[in-house]
């Protein structure tokens, strides 16, 4: 277990215990930008922002958005992993870490096919269309990129590269303002669609933001987990040419988080705030 994951387990266990939910056998399900911890035997999963603060100084903002949106989606009957009902879902802060709590679901060893993930995203968008939005269009990827341009010098990224990324974003901005704005998943790739005994359920809405559905479609199109173009074709989605500015934004955004992970692994950063 990494030092980051150990800190996440300690923080999640402490907050859960303070709310009367003991975690006798906590286990780490994932240790990436966030740590995901099952507080077994309780049917509760904690998401803990470990590396997230490297690019998002206040993780309580995206964590709060995620909890609010997932709660609204679950109340509307959408197929999502719901916030925990055994303790306040948060976001909480403990020991310098921000965390939230979720209902534990059994995840089956099955990945969706192109048509399945496309249909699930279309269903999610149909519900999201009627929910209120928070923030400004595409603020999640745009803010992340602005933070990366400002901070990446400390990770050894040259001024020329940072300037080029900033110029690319400014060039894209006018082309991103197209189509109706609604609440989005924000990171709609197949890895965030979980197979459960009750069917497919979306998870990890931390990147939610308002914007045109083209952003979520670009996220799906860009995945390496399956044929993204086949997925979009299954629901009659726009062509790659029509999605070009959002595909470019997705490429840039993915590169920022790849750089965060690479920096953390090479420097041994624990992601402390």
Protein backbone atom coordinates (compact mmCIF):
# COMPACT_ATOMS: atom_id res chain seq x y z
CA UNK A 1 0.00 0.00 0.00
CA UNK A 2 1.39 3.42 -0.94
CA UNK A 3 1.81 6.17 1.61
CA UNK A 4 -1.00 8.09 -0.11
CA UNK A 5 -3.36 5.13 0.21
CA UNK A 6 -2.46 4.60 3.86
CA UNK A 7 -3.28 8.24 4.62
CA UNK A 8 -6.57 7.84 2.75
CA UNK A 9 -7.53 4.73 4.72
CA UNK A 10 -6.73 6.45 8.01
CA UNK A 11 -8.74 9.56 7.12
CA UNK A 12 -11.74 7.63 5.81
CA UNK A 13 -11.78 5.29 8.80
CA UNK A 14 -11.57 8.17 11.26
CA UNK A 15 -14.41 10.18 9.73
CA UNK A 16 -16.61 7.11 9.36
CA UNK A 17 -16.00 6.06 12.96
CA UNK A 18 -16.90 9.56 14.15
CA UNK A 19 -20.28 9.04 12.51
CA UNK A 20 -20.84 5.61 14.04
CA UNK A 21 -19.68 3.54 11.07
CA UNK A 22 -16.71 1.38 12.12
CA UNK A 23 -14.41 0.03 9.42
CA UNK A 24 -12.81 -3.13 10.80
CA UNK A 25 -11.41 -4.37 7.49
CA UNK A 26 -10.87 -1.38 5.18
CA UNK A 27 -9.40 -2.22 1.81
CA UNK A 28 -8.14 -0.04 -1.01
CA UNK A 29 -10.06 -0.58 -4.25
CA UNK A 30 -8.08 1.94 -6.30
CA UNK A 31 -5.05 4.16 -5.74
CA UNK A 32 -4.86 6.78 -8.48
CA UNK A 33 -5.61 10.49 -8.56
CA UNK A 34 -8.05 9.65 -5.77
CA UNK A 35 -7.90 6.71 -3.40
CA UNK A 36 -11.06 4.59 -3.23
CA UNK A 37 -11.51 2.68 0.02
CA UNK A 38 -14.18 0.11 0.92
CA UNK A 39 -14.84 0.53 4.63
CA UNK A 40 -15.70 -3.14 5.10
CA UNK A 41 -17.76 -4.62 6.52
CA UNK A 42 -19.90 -1.49 6.18
CA UNK A 43 -21.50 -1.02 2.75
CA UNK A 44 -19.67 2.29 2.38
CA UNK A 45 -16.94 3.40 -0.01
CA UNK A 46 -14.81 6.50 0.56
CA UNK A 47 -13.26 8.59 -2.21
CA UNK A 48 -10.26 10.49 -0.90
CA UNK A 49 -8.52 13.29 -2.80
CA UNK A 50 -4.84 12.37 -2.59
CA UNK A 51 -3.24 13.62 -5.82
CA UNK A 52 -6.19 15.79 -6.83
CA UNK A 53 -4.90 18.89 -4.94
CA UNK A 54 -1.85 19.00 -7.20
CA UNK A 55 -4.13 20.45 -9.88
CA UNK A 56 -7.24 21.41 -7.91
CA UNK A 57 -6.25 23.40 -4.82
CA UNK A 58 -9.73 23.05 -3.29
CA UNK A 59 -10.97 19.48 -3.90
CA UNK A 60 -14.10 20.20 -1.87
CA UNK A 61 -15.50 22.03 -4.91
CA UNK A 62 -15.51 19.07 -7.34
CA UNK A 63 -16.30 16.61 -4.55
CA UNK A 64 -19.25 18.75 -3.50
CA UNK A 65 -20.50 19.00 -7.06
CA UNK A 66 -20.22 15.25 -7.46
CA UNK A 67 -22.16 14.45 -4.28
CA UNK A 68 -24.91 16.94 -5.15
CA UNK A 69 -25.30 15.74 -8.73
CA UNK A 70 -25.16 12.03 -7.92
CA UNK A 71 -27.74 12.54 -5.20
CA UNK A 72 -30.06 14.38 -7.59
CA UNK A 73 -29.57 11.72 -10.27
CA UNK A 74 -30.28 8.89 -7.83
CA UNK A 75 -33.43 10.67 -6.61
CA UNK A 76 -34.54 10.97 -10.25
CA UNK A 77 -34.07 7.23 -10.78
CA UNK A 78 -30.94 7.46 -12.92
CA UNK A 79 -28.48 4.57 -13.04
CA UNK A 80 -25.70 5.98 -10.85
CA UNK A 81 -23.80 4.97 -7.75
CA UNK A 82 -25.53 6.95 -5.01
CA UNK A 83 -23.98 8.86 -2.12
CA UNK A 84 -23.96 7.00 1.17
CA UNK A 85 -27.10 6.97 3.30
CA UNK A 86 -25.33 5.58 6.40
CA UNK A 87 -23.44 8.80 7.15
CA UNK A 88 -23.31 12.29 5.65
CA UNK A 89 -21.72 11.87 2.21
CA UNK A 90 -19.71 15.05 2.52
CA UNK A 91 -17.42 16.36 1.37
CA UNK A 92 -15.50 16.06 4.64
CA UNK A 93 -11.99 17.15 5.58
CA UNK A 94 -9.65 15.19 7.82
CA UNK A 95 -5.92 15.44 8.25
CA UNK A 96 -5.57 17.73 5.24
CA UNK A 97 -7.52 15.38 2.95
CA UNK A 98 -10.94 15.92 1.40
CA UNK A 99 -13.19 12.87 1.12
CA UNK A 100 -16.73 11.77 0.35
CA UNK A 101 -18.77 8.63 1.08
CA UNK A 102 -20.73 6.41 -1.29
CA UNK A 103 -22.93 3.34 -1.22
CA UNK A 104 -20.96 0.18 -1.85
CA UNK A 105 -22.13 -1.76 -4.90
CA UNK A 106 -21.02 -5.17 -6.08
CA UNK A 107 -19.03 -4.69 -9.27
CA UNK A 108 -19.17 -7.59 -11.70
CA UNK A 109 -16.14 -8.51 -13.86
CA UNK A 110 -17.69 -7.26 -17.08
CA UNK A 111 -16.92 -4.31 -19.32
CA UNK A 112 -19.56 -2.63 -21.51
CA UNK A 113 -19.55 -2.88 -25.26
CA UNK A 114 -19.78 0.17 -27.54
CA UNK A 115 -23.55 0.08 -27.91
CA UNK A 116 -24.09 -0.49 -24.18
CA UNK A 117 -22.00 2.45 -23.05
CA UNK A 118 -23.51 4.74 -25.69
CA UNK A 119 -27.05 3.81 -24.66
CA UNK A 120 -26.22 4.29 -20.99
CA UNK A 121 -24.77 7.74 -21.70
CA UNK A 122 -27.81 8.74 -23.73
CA UNK A 123 -30.06 7.70 -20.82
CA UNK A 124 -27.90 9.67 -18.37
CA UNK A 125 -28.01 12.77 -20.57
CA UNK A 126 -31.80 12.53 -20.75
CA UNK A 127 -31.98 12.87 -16.96
CA UNK A 128 -29.16 15.41 -16.68
CA UNK A 129 -31.00 17.65 -19.14
CA UNK A 130 -33.60 18.39 -16.47
CA UNK A 131 -31.24 19.03 -13.56
CA UNK A 132 -29.80 22.41 -12.55
CA UNK A 133 -26.19 23.20 -13.38
CA UNK A 134 -23.46 24.77 -11.28
CA UNK A 135 -20.58 26.75 -12.69
CA UNK A 136 -19.76 27.99 -16.17
CA UNK A 137 -19.59 25.94 -19.38
CA UNK A 138 -16.70 23.45 -19.39
CA UNK A 139 -15.15 25.07 -16.32
CA UNK A 140 -13.73 21.75 -15.11
CA UNK A 141 -11.37 21.03 -18.03
CA UNK A 142 -10.66 24.71 -18.66
CA UNK A 143 -9.81 25.44 -15.02
CA UNK A 144 -7.65 22.30 -14.82
CA UNK A 145 -5.70 23.36 -17.89
CA UNK A 146 -5.19 26.87 -16.54
CA UNK A 147 -3.90 25.42 -13.26
CA UNK A 148 -1.58 23.08 -15.15
CA UNK A 149 -0.10 25.93 -17.17
CA UNK A 150 0.55 27.81 -13.93
CA UNK A 151 1.95 24.88 -11.92
CA UNK A 152 3.64 22.55 -14.40
CA UNK A 153 6.89 24.52 -14.31
CA UNK A 154 7.45 22.99 -10.90
CA UNK A 155 7.22 19.56 -12.51
CA UNK A 156 9.94 20.31 -15.04
CA UNK A 157 7.67 21.30 -17.95
CA UNK A 158 9.35 23.95 -20.08
CA UNK A 159 7.90 27.45 -20.52
CA UNK A 160 7.58 26.77 -24.27
CA UNK A 161 5.35 23.75 -23.70
CA UNK A 162 3.21 25.57 -21.17
CA UNK A 163 2.82 28.53 -23.50
CA UNK A 164 1.82 26.25 -26.36
CA UNK A 165 -0.88 24.59 -24.24
CA UNK A 166 -2.22 27.97 -23.12
CA UNK A 167 -2.32 29.16 -26.74
CA UNK A 168 -4.09 25.96 -27.82
CA UNK A 169 -6.79 26.47 -25.20
CA UNK A 170 -7.37 30.08 -26.21
CA UNK A 171 -7.60 29.03 -29.85
CA UNK A 172 -10.21 26.41 -28.95
CA UNK A 173 -12.43 28.55 -26.70
CA UNK A 174 -14.54 30.20 -29.42
CA UNK A 175 -15.20 26.81 -31.05
CA UNK A 176 -16.42 25.21 -27.80
CA UNK A 177 -19.41 27.52 -27.42
CA UNK A 178 -21.84 25.49 -29.49
CA UNK A 179 -25.11 23.82 -28.62
CA UNK A 180 -27.39 23.88 -25.58
CA UNK A 181 -25.70 23.79 -22.18
CA UNK A 182 -26.72 21.19 -19.62
CA UNK A 183 -25.22 19.25 -16.72
CA UNK A 184 -22.68 16.66 -17.90
CA UNK A 185 -20.96 13.61 -16.48
CA UNK A 186 -17.64 15.21 -17.37
CA UNK A 187 -15.55 12.03 -17.67
CA UNK A 188 -17.85 9.69 -19.58
CA UNK A 189 -15.57 6.81 -20.49
CA UNK A 190 -16.38 3.07 -20.12
CA UNK A 191 -14.20 2.69 -17.03
CA UNK A 192 -16.73 4.83 -15.15
CA UNK A 193 -19.66 2.61 -16.15
CA UNK A 194 -19.87 -0.26 -13.69
CA UNK A 195 -21.58 -3.61 -14.18
CA UNK A 196 -23.64 -4.39 -11.07
CA UNK A 197 -26.29 -7.03 -10.27
CA UNK A 198 -28.86 -4.27 -10.84
CA UNK A 199 -27.47 -3.26 -14.24
CA UNK A 200 -25.03 -0.64 -15.49
CA UNK A 201 -24.35 2.27 -13.16
CA UNK A 202 -22.33 5.42 -13.76
CA UNK A 203 -19.73 6.42 -11.17
CA UNK A 204 -17.05 9.08 -10.70
CA UNK A 205 -18.89 12.29 -11.55
CA UNK A 206 -16.14 14.43 -9.99
CA UNK A 207 -15.46 16.13 -13.35
CA UNK A 208 -19.07 17.20 -13.84
CA UNK A 209 -19.61 20.63 -15.33
CA UNK A 210 -22.14 22.44 -17.48
CA UNK A 211 -21.59 22.31 -21.21
CA UNK A 212 -22.75 20.88 -24.54
CA UNK A 213 -23.16 17.11 -24.67
CA UNK A 214 -20.36 17.16 -27.25
CA UNK A 215 -17.90 17.19 -24.32
CA UNK A 216 -19.16 13.89 -22.91
CA UNK A 217 -19.28 12.45 -26.43
CA UNK A 218 -15.66 13.47 -26.97
CA UNK A 219 -14.70 11.74 -23.72
CA UNK A 220 -16.32 8.54 -24.95
CA UNK A 221 -14.87 8.88 -28.44
CA UNK A 222 -11.36 9.29 -27.03
CA UNK A 223 -11.37 6.16 -24.87
CA UNK A 224 -8.84 3.40 -25.46
CA UNK A 225 -11.05 0.85 -23.69
CA UNK A 226 -13.23 0.17 -26.74
CA UNK A 227 -14.06 1.51 -30.19
CA UNK A 228 -15.31 4.97 -29.29
CA UNK A 229 -16.40 5.75 -32.82
CA UNK A 230 -18.53 2.60 -32.91
CA UNK A 231 -20.12 3.67 -29.62
CA UNK A 232 -21.06 7.09 -31.01
CA UNK A 233 -22.33 5.60 -34.26
CA UNK A 234 -24.65 3.34 -32.25
CA UNK A 235 -26.64 6.38 -31.14
CA UNK A 236 -26.20 8.55 -34.24
CA UNK A 237 -23.77 10.96 -32.57
CA UNK A 238 -21.88 13.68 -34.49
CA UNK A 239 -18.89 12.88 -36.68
CA UNK A 240 -15.29 13.30 -35.57
CA UNK A 241 -15.08 16.44 -37.68
CA UNK A 242 -18.04 17.94 -35.84
CA UNK A 243 -16.56 16.97 -32.48
CA UNK A 244 -13.06 18.21 -33.38
CA UNK A 245 -12.72 21.08 -30.84
CA UNK A 246 -13.97 18.96 -27.95
CA UNK A 247 -11.75 16.05 -28.99
CA UNK A 248 -8.78 18.40 -28.93
CA UNK A 249 -9.80 19.74 -25.51
CA UNK A 250 -10.12 16.17 -24.24
CA UNK A 251 -6.63 15.34 -25.51
CA UNK A 252 -5.16 18.35 -23.72
CA UNK A 253 -7.10 17.66 -20.53
CA UNK A 254 -6.03 14.02 -20.42
CA UNK A 255 -2.41 15.07 -20.84
CA UNK A 256 -2.60 17.33 -17.79
CA UNK A 257 -3.69 14.49 -15.52
CA UNK A 258 -1.15 12.13 -17.05
CA UNK A 259 1.48 14.70 -16.13
CA UNK A 260 0.13 14.90 -12.57
CA UNK A 261 0.40 11.12 -12.14
CA UNK A 262 3.85 11.03 -13.69
CA UNK A 263 5.05 13.85 -11.45
CA UNK A 264 3.69 12.14 -8.34
CA UNK A 265 5.32 8.83 -9.16
CA UNK A 266 8.70 10.36 -9.98
CA UNK A 267 8.80 12.78 -7.04
CA UNK A 268 7.13 10.58 -4.45
CA UNK A 269 4.63 13.34 -3.68
CA UNK A 270 1.85 12.31 -1.33
CA UNK A 271 -0.47 14.95 -2.70
CA UNK A 272 -0.62 16.85 0.55
CA UNK A 273 -2.31 20.22 0.41
